[in-house]
């Protein structure tokens, strides 16, 4: 049952990360065609943004070694997506990754930074300050080529090595990423320790620093079961873009305590119940996550997928 609230946004954009963030940790290599079918199904389910892969070095994330092959196949006229596949975002770690994205004519990239010194060292092999010098030429070249650039910032709510992360430190890192030329900043609760009050305080701090809520996105993990509560805090603060992963797949490969992402189905169920438009066909999405779970050989961690999987599509309504 949908019970709209006048105090919340009327529409939300779901930024689907399942095909990249969701699959990157899988140890058994998934066939490229299975990944391509996963992307096609996610797009067909009505998700407005589907991040497809990452041009990271295969040594660091072997699962995504086929990024160029995947994107070449998706942009082919016979794929069902054709030129529209060039609008699927891809993560690029540096200029070499950008070169590969440019060669394929892609139009949206993302870079991935850190709010903490330790994670910057472990994930990027840079200090907190050095990461900006690494990102600057990538963002500048991408923007100069007409690309849109999104910036992720990880460890915004807590770090497994450093503990609590000062809000002012997150705001400083985030503003510097935006100043490089990113159009949107995704604030990541990488290890899932965030709580609703923390979400409110962080968004308020960004607004006080001159960053509009329209430039912010939120990326939650459900380690402590707080992801949906945190989404509600974000909605009340005016945030209208949320990252989520179909079936709750994924986590960060460089932080062992980073468990599954917020499941897209769980987010859709919440938004529908609040009367917030999102454009996603829940039945199609549940079927997609059930299909992928079968390929991975284990059940989906999403509560909604577990509740609705196997039910006739015409009976799946919140």
C-alpha atoms as a PDB file:
ATOM      1  CA  UNK A   1       0.000   0.000   0.000  1.00  0.00           C
ATOM      2  CA  UNK A   2       1.332   3.404  -1.005  1.00  0.00           C
ATOM      3  CA  UNK A   3       0.991   6.212   1.526  1.00  0.00           C
ATOM      4  CA  UNK A   4       2.548   9.381   0.036  1.00  0.00           C
ATOM      5  CA  UNK A   5       4.180  12.018   2.210  1.00  0.00           C
ATOM      6  CA  UNK A   6       4.250  15.678   1.253  1.00  0.00           C
ATOM      7  CA  UNK A   7       7.539  16.101   3.116  1.00  0.00           C
ATOM      8  CA  UNK A   8       9.520  13.799   0.823  1.00  0.00           C
ATOM      9  CA  UNK A   9      10.715  14.106  -2.800  1.00  0.00           C
ATOM     10  CA  UNK A  10       8.163  13.103  -5.408  1.00  0.00           C
ATOM     11  CA  UNK A  11      10.686  11.200  -7.521  1.00  0.00           C
ATOM     12  CA  UNK A  12      14.010   9.446  -6.950  1.00  0.00           C
ATOM     13  CA  UNK A  13      16.717   8.268  -9.350  1.00  0.00           C
ATOM     14  CA  UNK A  14      18.111   4.815  -8.635  1.00  0.00           C
ATOM     15  CA  UNK A  15      21.728   4.457  -9.726  1.00  0.00           C
ATOM     16  CA  UNK A  16      22.125   0.714 -10.262  1.00  0.00           C
ATOM     17  CA  UNK A  17      25.594  -0.632  -9.415  1.00  0.00           C
ATOM     18  CA  UNK A  18      24.919  -4.379  -9.455  1.00  0.00           C
ATOM     19  CA  UNK A  19      26.718  -5.164 -12.697  1.00  0.00           C
ATOM     20  CA  UNK A  20      29.927  -3.515 -11.489  1.00  0.00           C
ATOM     21  CA  UNK A  21      30.004  -3.179  -7.701  1.00  0.00           C
ATOM     22  CA  UNK A  22      27.735  -6.178  -7.274  1.00  0.00           C
ATOM     23  CA  UNK A  23      29.813  -8.628  -9.298  1.00  0.00           C
ATOM     24  CA  UNK A  24      33.363  -7.386  -8.739  1.00  0.00           C
ATOM     25  CA  UNK A  25      33.935  -9.565  -5.665  1.00  0.00           C
ATOM     26  CA  UNK A  26      32.752 -12.822  -7.204  1.00  0.00           C
ATOM     27  CA  UNK A  27      35.646 -15.287  -7.178  1.00  0.00           C
ATOM     28  CA  UNK A  28      34.315 -17.597  -9.905  1.00  0.00           C
ATOM     29  CA  UNK A  29      34.597 -15.813 -13.245  1.00  0.00           C
ATOM     30  CA  UNK A  30      31.217 -15.002 -14.738  1.00  0.00           C
ATOM     31  CA  UNK A  31      30.934 -15.342 -18.535  1.00  0.00           C
ATOM     32  CA  UNK A  32      30.890 -12.029 -20.372  1.00  0.00           C
ATOM     33  CA  UNK A  33      27.592 -12.871 -22.059  1.00  0.00           C
ATOM     34  CA  UNK A  34      25.983 -13.511 -18.658  1.00  0.00           C
ATOM     35  CA  UNK A  35      27.133 -10.071 -17.514  1.00  0.00           C
ATOM     36  CA  UNK A  36      25.801  -8.531 -20.725  1.00  0.00           C
ATOM     37  CA  UNK A  37      22.436 -10.220 -20.247  1.00  0.00           C
ATOM     38  CA  UNK A  38      22.374  -8.972 -16.645  1.00  0.00           C
ATOM     39  CA  UNK A  39      22.903  -5.387 -17.860  1.00  0.00           C
ATOM     40  CA  UNK A  40      20.239  -5.748 -20.547  1.00  0.00           C
ATOM     41  CA  UNK A  41      17.737  -7.105 -18.028  1.00  0.00           C
ATOM     42  CA  UNK A  42      18.456  -4.278 -15.583  1.00  0.00           C
ATOM     43  CA  UNK A  43      17.883  -1.691 -18.304  1.00  0.00           C
ATOM     44  CA  UNK A  44      14.681  -3.456 -19.397  1.00  0.00           C
ATOM     45  CA  UNK A  45      13.416  -3.343 -15.790  1.00  0.00           C
ATOM     46  CA  UNK A  46      13.325   0.438 -16.060  1.00  0.00           C
ATOM     47  CA  UNK A  47      16.421   1.358 -14.086  1.00  0.00           C
ATOM     48  CA  UNK A  48      17.420   4.802 -15.396  1.00  0.00           C
ATOM     49  CA  UNK A  49      21.155   4.415 -14.716  1.00  0.00           C
ATOM     50  CA  UNK A  50      23.041   1.105 -14.877  1.00  0.00           C
ATOM     51  CA  UNK A  51      26.762   1.193 -14.165  1.00  0.00           C
ATOM     52  CA  UNK A  52      28.118  -1.597 -16.353  1.00  0.00           C
ATOM     53  CA  UNK A  53      31.725  -2.325 -15.389  1.00  0.00           C
ATOM     54  CA  UNK A  54      35.119  -0.885 -14.480  1.00  0.00           C
ATOM     55  CA  UNK A  55      38.298  -0.454 -16.501  1.00  0.00           C
ATOM     56  CA  UNK A  56      40.446  -1.360 -13.526  1.00  0.00           C
ATOM     57  CA  UNK A  57      43.635  -3.413 -13.994  1.00  0.00           C
ATOM     58  CA  UNK A  58      42.756  -7.143 -14.103  1.00  0.00           C
ATOM     59  CA  UNK A  59      45.337  -7.826 -11.387  1.00  0.00           C
ATOM     60  CA  UNK A  60      43.242  -5.885  -8.895  1.00  0.00           C
ATOM     61  CA  UNK A  61      39.770  -7.024  -9.946  1.00  0.00           C
ATOM     62  CA  UNK A  62      40.034 -10.146 -12.146  1.00  0.00           C
ATOM     63  CA  UNK A  63      36.248 -10.410 -12.451  1.00  0.00           C
ATOM     64  CA  UNK A  64      36.154  -7.231 -14.544  1.00  0.00           C
ATOM     65  CA  UNK A  65      39.042  -8.074 -16.856  1.00  0.00           C
ATOM     66  CA  UNK A  66      36.533  -8.363 -19.713  1.00  0.00           C
ATOM     67  CA  UNK A  67      35.343  -4.743 -19.415  1.00  0.00           C
ATOM     68  CA  UNK A  68      36.292  -3.753 -22.957  1.00  0.00           C
ATOM     69  CA  UNK A  69      34.798  -6.935 -24.424  1.00  0.00           C
ATOM     70  CA  UNK A  70      31.594  -6.410 -22.430  1.00  0.00           C
ATOM     71  CA  UNK A  71      31.152  -2.807 -23.524  1.00  0.00           C
ATOM     72  CA  UNK A  72      32.019  -3.599 -27.145  1.00  0.00           C
ATOM     73  CA  UNK A  73      29.298  -6.233 -27.158  1.00  0.00           C
ATOM     74  CA  UNK A  74      26.726  -4.017 -25.490  1.00  0.00           C
ATOM     75  CA  UNK A  75      27.322  -1.144 -27.914  1.00  0.00           C
ATOM     76  CA  UNK A  76      27.025  -3.423 -30.941  1.00  0.00           C
ATOM     77  CA  UNK A  77      23.843  -2.874 -32.949  1.00  0.00           C
ATOM     78  CA  UNK A  78      22.835  -6.512 -32.434  1.00  0.00           C
ATOM     79  CA  UNK A  79      22.956  -6.306 -28.612  1.00  0.00           C
ATOM     80  CA  UNK A  80      19.518  -4.779 -28.203  1.00  0.00           C
ATOM     81  CA  UNK A  81      21.007  -1.639 -26.669  1.00  0.00           C
ATOM     82  CA  UNK A  82      23.189  -0.341 -29.484  1.00  0.00           C
ATOM     83  CA  UNK A  83      24.286   3.276 -29.185  1.00  0.00           C
ATOM     84  CA  UNK A  84      22.311   3.772 -25.966  1.00  0.00           C
ATOM     85  CA  UNK A  85      24.828   1.457 -24.269  1.00  0.00           C
ATOM     86  CA  UNK A  86      27.373   4.262 -24.595  1.00  0.00           C
ATOM     87  CA  UNK A  87      25.373   6.074 -21.903  1.00  0.00           C
ATOM     88  CA  UNK A  88      26.005   3.282 -19.390  1.00  0.00           C
ATOM     89  CA  UNK A  89      28.508   4.618 -16.830  1.00  0.00           C
ATOM     90  CA  UNK A  90      31.793   2.815 -16.243  1.00  0.00           C
ATOM     91  CA  UNK A  91      34.287   3.254 -13.434  1.00  0.00           C
ATOM     92  CA  UNK A  92      37.785   4.342 -14.454  1.00  0.00           C
ATOM     93  CA  UNK A  93      40.645   4.366 -11.920  1.00  0.00           C
ATOM     94  CA  UNK A  94      43.039   6.565 -13.915  1.00  0.00           C
ATOM     95  CA  UNK A  95      43.917   7.923 -17.347  1.00  0.00           C
ATOM     96  CA  UNK A  96      44.616   4.457 -18.758  1.00  0.00           C
ATOM     97  CA  UNK A  97      41.091   3.452 -17.860  1.00  0.00           C
ATOM     98  CA  UNK A  98      39.793   6.663 -19.414  1.00  0.00           C
ATOM     99  CA  UNK A  99      41.641   5.891 -22.647  1.00  0.00           C
ATOM    100  CA  UNK A 100      39.773   2.596 -22.924  1.00  0.00           C
ATOM    101  CA  UNK A 101      36.431   4.300 -22.293  1.00  0.00           C
ATOM    102  CA  UNK A 102      37.170   6.959 -24.914  1.00  0.00           C
ATOM    103  CA  UNK A 103      38.165   4.331 -27.481  1.00  0.00           C
ATOM    104  CA  UNK A 104      34.710   2.785 -27.110  1.00  0.00           C
ATOM    105  CA  UNK A 105      32.920   6.128 -27.370  1.00  0.00           C
ATOM    106  CA  UNK A 106      31.423   5.925 -23.892  1.00  0.00           C
ATOM    107  CA  UNK A 107      29.813   9.055 -22.476  1.00  0.00           C
ATOM    108  CA  UNK A 108      29.734   8.615 -18.678  1.00  0.00           C
ATOM    109  CA  UNK A 109      32.528   7.686 -16.309  1.00  0.00           C
ATOM    110  CA  UNK A 110      33.016   7.576 -12.558  1.00  0.00           C
ATOM    111  CA  UNK A 111      36.132   7.930 -10.410  1.00  0.00           C
ATOM    112  CA  UNK A 112      36.513   6.429  -6.965  1.00  0.00           C
ATOM    113  CA  UNK A 113      38.156   8.364  -4.124  1.00  0.00           C
ATOM    114  CA  UNK A 114      38.576   7.971  -0.389  1.00  0.00           C
ATOM    115  CA  UNK A 115      37.605  10.092   2.591  1.00  0.00           C
ATOM    116  CA  UNK A 116      40.370   8.571   4.731  1.00  0.00           C
ATOM    117  CA  UNK A 117      44.146   8.347   4.612  1.00  0.00           C
ATOM    118  CA  UNK A 118      44.372   4.606   5.211  1.00  0.00           C
ATOM    119  CA  UNK A 119      41.859   3.583   2.578  1.00  0.00           C
ATOM    120  CA  UNK A 120      43.439   5.946   0.044  1.00  0.00           C
ATOM    121  CA  UNK A 121      46.731   4.152   0.666  1.00  0.00           C
ATOM    122  CA  UNK A 122      45.255   0.642   0.466  1.00  0.00           C
ATOM    123  CA  UNK A 123      42.902   1.235  -2.456  1.00  0.00           C
ATOM    124  CA  UNK A 124      44.703   3.868  -4.513  1.00  0.00           C
ATOM    125  CA  UNK A 125      48.320   3.620  -3.365  1.00  0.00           C
ATOM    126  CA  UNK A 126      48.161   7.364  -2.741  1.00  0.00           C
ATOM    127  CA  UNK A 127      47.896   9.651   0.255  1.00  0.00           C
ATOM    128  CA  UNK A 128      44.640  11.448   0.894  1.00  0.00           C
ATOM    129  CA  UNK A 129      45.978  14.581  -0.787  1.00  0.00           C
ATOM    130  CA  UNK A 130      47.793  12.781  -3.609  1.00  0.00           C
ATOM    131  CA  UNK A 131      44.575  11.184  -4.853  1.00  0.00           C
ATOM    132  CA  UNK A 132      43.346  14.536  -6.189  1.00  0.00           C
ATOM    133  CA  UNK A 133      46.455  14.992  -8.325  1.00  0.00           C
ATOM    134  CA  UNK A 134      45.835  11.509  -9.722  1.00  0.00           C
ATOM    135  CA  UNK A 135      42.190  12.223 -10.554  1.00  0.00           C
ATOM    136  CA  UNK A 136      42.676  15.760 -11.950  1.00  0.00           C
ATOM    137  CA  UNK A 137      43.980  14.897 -15.446  1.00  0.00           C
ATOM    138  CA  UNK A 138      41.442  12.073 -15.808  1.00  0.00           C
ATOM    139  CA  UNK A 139      38.500  14.323 -14.977  1.00  0.00           C
ATOM    140  CA  UNK A 140      39.844  17.217 -17.043  1.00  0.00           C
ATOM    141  CA  UNK A 141      40.333  15.057 -20.131  1.00  0.00           C
ATOM    142  CA  UNK A 142      36.969  13.382 -19.713  1.00  0.00           C
ATOM    143  CA  UNK A 143      35.140  16.678 -19.403  1.00  0.00           C
ATOM    144  CA  UNK A 144      37.091  18.067 -22.339  1.00  0.00           C
ATOM    145  CA  UNK A 145      35.898  15.107 -24.395  1.00  0.00           C
ATOM    146  CA  UNK A 146      32.264  15.832 -23.509  1.00  0.00           C
ATOM    147  CA  UNK A 147      31.942  13.094 -20.909  1.00  0.00           C
ATOM    148  CA  UNK A 148      29.963  13.357 -17.703  1.00  0.00           C
ATOM    149  CA  UNK A 149      31.960  12.486 -14.582  1.00  0.00           C
ATOM    150  CA  UNK A 150      30.646  11.133 -11.317  1.00  0.00           C
ATOM    151  CA  UNK A 151      32.819  10.935  -8.196  1.00  0.00           C
ATOM    152  CA  UNK A 152      32.482   8.293  -5.518  1.00  0.00           C
ATOM    153  CA  UNK A 153      33.899   8.951  -2.077  1.00  0.00           C
ATOM    154  CA  UNK A 154      34.261   5.868   0.107  1.00  0.00           C
ATOM    155  CA  UNK A 155      34.475   5.574   3.919  1.00  0.00           C
ATOM    156  CA  UNK A 156      32.271   8.621   4.486  1.00  0.00           C
ATOM    157  CA  UNK A 157      30.705   7.262   7.677  1.00  0.00           C
ATOM    158  CA  UNK A 158      33.399   5.031   9.120  1.00  0.00           C
ATOM    159  CA  UNK A 159      36.660   3.308   8.265  1.00  0.00           C
ATOM    160  CA  UNK A 160      37.670  -0.184   9.487  1.00  0.00           C
ATOM    161  CA  UNK A 161      41.208   1.015  10.224  1.00  0.00           C
ATOM    162  CA  UNK A 162      40.607   4.579  11.411  1.00  0.00           C
ATOM    163  CA  UNK A 163      37.171   4.268  12.995  1.00  0.00           C
ATOM    164  CA  UNK A 164      34.793   7.231  12.916  1.00  0.00           C
ATOM    165  CA  UNK A 165      35.494   9.706  10.116  1.00  0.00           C
ATOM    166  CA  UNK A 166      35.076  13.421  10.961  1.00  0.00           C
ATOM    167  CA  UNK A 167      32.244  15.006   9.000  1.00  0.00           C
ATOM    168  CA  UNK A 168      34.370  18.031   8.143  1.00  0.00           C
ATOM    169  CA  UNK A 169      36.984  15.726   6.588  1.00  0.00           C
ATOM    170  CA  UNK A 170      34.352  14.100   4.365  1.00  0.00           C
ATOM    171  CA  UNK A 171      33.028  17.495   3.293  1.00  0.00           C
ATOM    172  CA  UNK A 172      36.535  18.702   2.440  1.00  0.00           C
ATOM    173  CA  UNK A 173      37.266  15.627   0.314  1.00  0.00           C
ATOM    174  CA  UNK A 174      33.868  15.811  -1.366  1.00  0.00           C
ATOM    175  CA  UNK A 175      34.182  19.481  -2.256  1.00  0.00           C
ATOM    176  CA  UNK A 176      37.626  18.885  -3.728  1.00  0.00           C
ATOM    177  CA  UNK A 177      36.248  16.102  -5.907  1.00  0.00           C
ATOM    178  CA  UNK A 178      33.478  18.374  -7.149  1.00  0.00           C
ATOM    179  CA  UNK A 179      35.969  21.188  -7.737  1.00  0.00           C
ATOM    180  CA  UNK A 180      37.888  18.876 -10.067  1.00  0.00           C
ATOM    181  CA  UNK A 181      34.832  18.836 -12.335  1.00  0.00           C
ATOM    182  CA  UNK A 182      32.597  16.013 -11.160  1.00  0.00           C
ATOM    183  CA  UNK A 183      28.909  16.667 -11.726  1.00  0.00           C
ATOM    184  CA  UNK A 184      27.710  14.381  -8.921  1.00  0.00           C
ATOM    185  CA  UNK A 185      29.195  13.140  -5.662  1.00  0.00           C
ATOM    186  CA  UNK A 186      28.202   9.740  -4.273  1.00  0.00           C
ATOM    187  CA  UNK A 187      28.813   9.486  -0.519  1.00  0.00           C
ATOM    188  CA  UNK A 188      29.560   5.887   0.426  1.00  0.00           C
ATOM    189  CA  UNK A 189      28.902   4.140   3.718  1.00  0.00           C
ATOM    190  CA  UNK A 190      31.421   1.510   2.658  1.00  0.00           C
ATOM    191  CA  UNK A 191      31.267  -0.645   5.799  1.00  0.00           C
ATOM    192  CA  UNK A 192      27.627   0.041   6.637  1.00  0.00           C
ATOM    193  CA  UNK A 193      28.120   1.746  10.014  1.00  0.00           C
ATOM    194  CA  UNK A 194      26.089   4.868   9.242  1.00  0.00           C
ATOM    195  CA  UNK A 195      22.924   5.761  11.115  1.00  0.00           C
ATOM    196  CA  UNK A 196      20.066   8.106  10.270  1.00  0.00           C
ATOM    197  CA  UNK A 197      21.285  10.953  12.444  1.00  0.00           C
ATOM    198  CA  UNK A 198      24.733  10.722  10.898  1.00  0.00           C
ATOM    199  CA  UNK A 199      23.226  10.881   7.413  1.00  0.00           C
ATOM    200  CA  UNK A 200      21.289  14.015   8.320  1.00  0.00           C
ATOM    201  CA  UNK A 201      24.332  15.695   9.844  1.00  0.00           C
ATOM    202  CA  UNK A 202      26.548  14.883   6.848  1.00  0.00           C
ATOM    203  CA  UNK A 203      24.066  16.208   4.291  1.00  0.00           C
ATOM    204  CA  UNK A 204      23.513  19.351   6.350  1.00  0.00           C
ATOM    205  CA  UNK A 205      27.272  19.909   6.511  1.00  0.00           C
ATOM    206  CA  UNK A 206      27.576  19.684   2.723  1.00  0.00           C
ATOM    207  CA  UNK A 207      24.704  22.126   2.266  1.00  0.00           C
ATOM    208  CA  UNK A 208      26.303  24.520   4.758  1.00  0.00           C
ATOM    209  CA  UNK A 209      29.509  24.279   2.702  1.00  0.00           C
ATOM    210  CA  UNK A 210      27.630  25.380  -0.429  1.00  0.00           C
ATOM    211  CA  UNK A 211      27.000  21.981  -2.058  1.00  0.00           C
ATOM    212  CA  UNK A 212      23.389  21.582  -3.173  1.00  0.00           C
ATOM    213  CA  UNK A 213      21.523  18.366  -2.462  1.00  0.00           C
ATOM    214  CA  UNK A 214      20.986  17.999  -6.214  1.00  0.00           C
ATOM    215  CA  UNK A 215      24.713  17.238  -6.572  1.00  0.00           C
ATOM    216  CA  UNK A 216      24.752  14.544  -3.893  1.00  0.00           C
ATOM    217  CA  UNK A 217      23.935  10.835  -4.027  1.00  0.00           C
ATOM    218  CA  UNK A 218      23.981   8.307  -1.192  1.00  0.00           C
ATOM    219  CA  UNK A 219      25.456   4.808  -1.304  1.00  0.00           C
ATOM    220  CA  UNK A 220      24.573   2.557   1.633  1.00  0.00           C
ATOM    221  CA  UNK A 221      25.617  -0.913   2.731  1.00  0.00           C
ATOM    222  CA  UNK A 222      23.334  -2.961   4.948  1.00  0.00           C
ATOM    223  CA  UNK A 223      25.939  -4.436   7.302  1.00  0.00           C
ATOM    224  CA  UNK A 224      23.984  -3.463  10.409  1.00  0.00           C
ATOM    225  CA  UNK A 225      20.535  -3.413   8.824  1.00  0.00           C
ATOM    226  CA  UNK A 226      20.429   0.388   8.654  1.00  0.00           C
ATOM    227  CA  UNK A 227      20.406   1.003   4.905  1.00  0.00           C
ATOM    228  CA  UNK A 228      16.668   1.683   4.478  1.00  0.00           C
ATOM    229  CA  UNK A 229      16.558   3.802   7.633  1.00  0.00           C
ATOM    230  CA  UNK A 230      19.450   5.801   6.219  1.00  0.00           C
ATOM    231  CA  UNK A 231      17.620   6.213   2.906  1.00  0.00           C
ATOM    232  CA  UNK A 232      14.666   7.693   4.762  1.00  0.00           C
ATOM    233  CA  UNK A 233      16.975  10.169   6.490  1.00  0.00           C
ATOM    234  CA  UNK A 234      18.406  11.057   3.093  1.00  0.00           C
ATOM    235  CA  UNK A 235      14.942  11.555   1.640  1.00  0.00           C
ATOM    236  CA  UNK A 236      13.999  13.897   4.470  1.00  0.00           C
ATOM    237  CA  UNK A 237      17.189  15.839   3.780  1.00  0.00           C
ATOM    238  CA  UNK A 238      16.204  16.204   0.113  1.00  0.00           C
ATOM    239  CA  UNK A 239      18.564  13.689  -1.553  1.00  0.00           C
ATOM    240  CA  UNK A 240      17.009  12.231  -4.708  1.00  0.00           C
ATOM    241  CA  UNK A 241      19.703   9.861  -6.052  1.00  0.00           C
ATOM    242  CA  UNK A 242      20.478   6.531  -4.362  1.00  0.00           C
ATOM    243  CA  UNK A 243      22.925   3.841  -5.369  1.00  0.00           C
ATOM    244  CA  UNK A 244      21.689   0.278  -5.050  1.00  0.00           C
ATOM    245  CA  UNK A 245      22.609  -3.195  -6.262  1.00  0.00           C
ATOM    246  CA  UNK A 246      20.132  -5.660  -7.727  1.00  0.00           C
ATOM    247  CA  UNK A 247      19.639  -8.529  -5.312  1.00  0.00           C
ATOM    248  CA  UNK A 248      21.886  -6.861  -2.717  1.00  0.00           C
ATOM    249  CA  UNK A 249      25.005  -8.140  -4.453  1.00  0.00           C
ATOM    250  CA  UNK A 250      28.465  -6.846  -3.750  1.00  0.00           C
ATOM    251  CA  UNK A 251      30.695  -4.940  -1.416  1.00  0.00           C
ATOM    252  CA  UNK A 252      34.123  -3.375  -1.459  1.00  0.00           C
ATOM    253  CA  UNK A 253      37.009  -5.736  -2.354  1.00  0.00           C
ATOM    254  CA  UNK A 254      39.490  -3.707  -0.283  1.00  0.00           C
ATOM    255  CA  UNK A 255      37.499  -3.627   2.977  1.00  0.00           C
ATOM    256  CA  UNK A 256      36.629  -7.022   4.427  1.00  0.00           C
ATOM    257  CA  UNK A 257      33.896  -5.576   6.657  1.00  0.00           C
ATOM    258  CA  UNK A 258      32.030  -4.096   3.682  1.00  0.00           C
ATOM    259  CA  UNK A 259      29.139  -6.493   3.237  1.00  0.00           C
ATOM    260  CA  UNK A 260      26.342  -6.309   0.710  1.00  0.00           C
ATOM    261  CA  UNK A 261      25.050  -3.173  -0.892  1.00  0.00           C
ATOM    262  CA  UNK A 262      21.534  -1.925  -0.346  1.00  0.00           C
ATOM    263  CA  UNK A 263      19.346  -4.195  -2.478  1.00  0.00           C
ATOM    264  CA  UNK A 264      17.600  -2.370  -5.302  1.00  0.00           C
ATOM    265  CA  UNK A 265      14.411  -4.377  -4.726  1.00  0.00           C
ATOM    266  CA  UNK A 266      14.308  -3.370  -1.060  1.00  0.00           C
ATOM    267  CA  UNK A 267      14.781   0.267  -2.040  1.00  0.00           C
ATOM    268  CA  UNK A 268      12.039   0.041  -4.682  1.00  0.00           C
ATOM    269  CA  UNK A 269       9.632  -1.480  -2.141  1.00  0.00           C
ATOM    270  CA  UNK A 270      10.324   1.379   0.289  1.00  0.00           C
ATOM    271  CA  UNK A 271       9.957   4.100  -2.337  1.00  0.00           C
ATOM    272  CA  UNK A 272       6.743   2.639  -3.706  1.00  0.00           C
ATOM    273  CA  UNK A 273       5.280   2.463  -0.216  1.00  0.00           C
ATOM    274  CA  UNK A 274       6.120   6.130   0.299  1.00  0.00           C
ATOM    275  CA  UNK A 275       4.470   7.114  -2.978  1.00  0.00           C
ATOM    276  CA  UNK A 276       7.782   8.166  -4.530  1.00  0.00           C
ATOM    277  CA  UNK A 277       8.150   7.599  -8.277  1.00  0.00           C
ATOM    278  CA  UNK A 278      11.175   5.634  -9.487  1.00  0.00           C
ATOM    279  CA  UNK A 279      10.205   4.076 -12.826  1.00  0.00           C
ATOM    280  CA  UNK A 280      11.310   0.534 -11.991  1.00  0.00           C
ATOM    281  CA  UNK A 281       9.253  -2.580 -12.695  1.00  0.00           C
ATOM    282  CA  UNK A 282       9.647  -4.540  -9.453  1.00  0.00           C
ATOM    283  CA  UNK A 283       8.475  -7.866 -10.878  1.00  0.00           C
ATOM    284  CA  UNK A 284      11.000  -7.660 -13.703  1.00  0.00           C
ATOM    285  CA  UNK A 285      13.755  -6.697 -11.285  1.00  0.00           C
ATOM    286  CA  UNK A 286      12.962  -9.557  -8.887  1.00  0.00           C
ATOM    287  CA  UNK A 287      13.021 -11.984 -11.812  1.00  0.00           C
ATOM    288  CA  UNK A 288      16.397 -10.605 -12.887  1.00  0.00           C
ATOM    289  CA  UNK A 289      17.932 -10.974  -9.437  1.00  0.00           C
ATOM    290  CA  UNK A 290      16.495 -14.472  -9.095  1.00  0.00           C
ATOM    291  CA  UNK A 291      18.026 -15.353 -12.466  1.00  0.00           C
ATOM    292  CA  UNK A 292      21.433 -13.979 -11.424  1.00  0.00           C
ATOM    293  CA  UNK A 293      21.276 -15.773  -8.069  1.00  0.00           C
ATOM    294  CA  UNK A 294      20.833 -19.023  -9.985  1.00  0.00           C
ATOM    295  CA  UNK A 295      23.943 -18.244 -12.038  1.00  0.00           C
ATOM    296  CA  UNK A 296      25.902 -17.492  -8.870  1.00  0.00           C
ATOM    297  CA  UNK A 297      24.656 -20.640  -7.168  1.00  0.00           C
ATOM    298  CA  UNK A 298      23.270 -19.041  -4.018  1.00  0.00           C
ATOM    299  CA  UNK A 299      20.098 -17.235  -2.933  1.00  0.00           C
ATOM    300  CA  UNK A 300      19.812 -13.483  -3.145  1.00  0.00           C
ATOM    301  CA  UNK A 301      20.442 -11.599   0.123  1.00  0.00           C
ATOM    302  CA  UNK A 302      17.633  -9.173  -0.718  1.00  0.00           C
ATOM    303  CA  UNK A 303      14.670  -9.503   1.659  1.00  0.00           C
ATOM    304  CA  UNK A 304      12.235  -8.540  -1.095  1.00  0.00           C
ATOM    305  CA  UNK A 305      13.699 -11.035  -3.577  1.00  0.00           C
ATOM    306  CA  UNK A 306      13.469 -13.791  -0.968  1.00  0.00           C
ATOM    307  CA  UNK A 307       9.851 -12.846  -0.233  1.00  0.00           C
ATOM    308  CA  UNK A 308       8.688 -12.504  -3.833  1.00  0.00           C
ATOM    309  CA  UNK A 309      10.946 -14.827  -5.831  1.00  0.00           C
ATOM    310  CA  UNK A 310       8.889 -17.440  -7.645  1.00  0.00           C
ATOM    311  CA  UNK A 311       5.588 -15.579  -7.317  1.00  0.00           C
ATOM    312  CA  UNK A 312       3.636 -14.701 -10.490  1.00  0.00           C
ATOM    313  CA  UNK A 313       4.592 -11.278 -11.772  1.00  0.00           C
ATOM    314  CA  UNK A 314       1.022  -9.956 -11.619  1.00  0.00           C
ATOM    315  CA  UNK A 315       0.930 -10.579  -7.858  1.00  0.00           C
ATOM    316  CA  UNK A 316       4.050  -8.530  -7.093  1.00  0.00           C
ATOM    317  CA  UNK A 317       2.776  -5.166  -5.860  1.00  0.00           C
ATOM    318  CA  UNK A 318       3.703  -3.411  -2.605  1.00  0.00           C
END
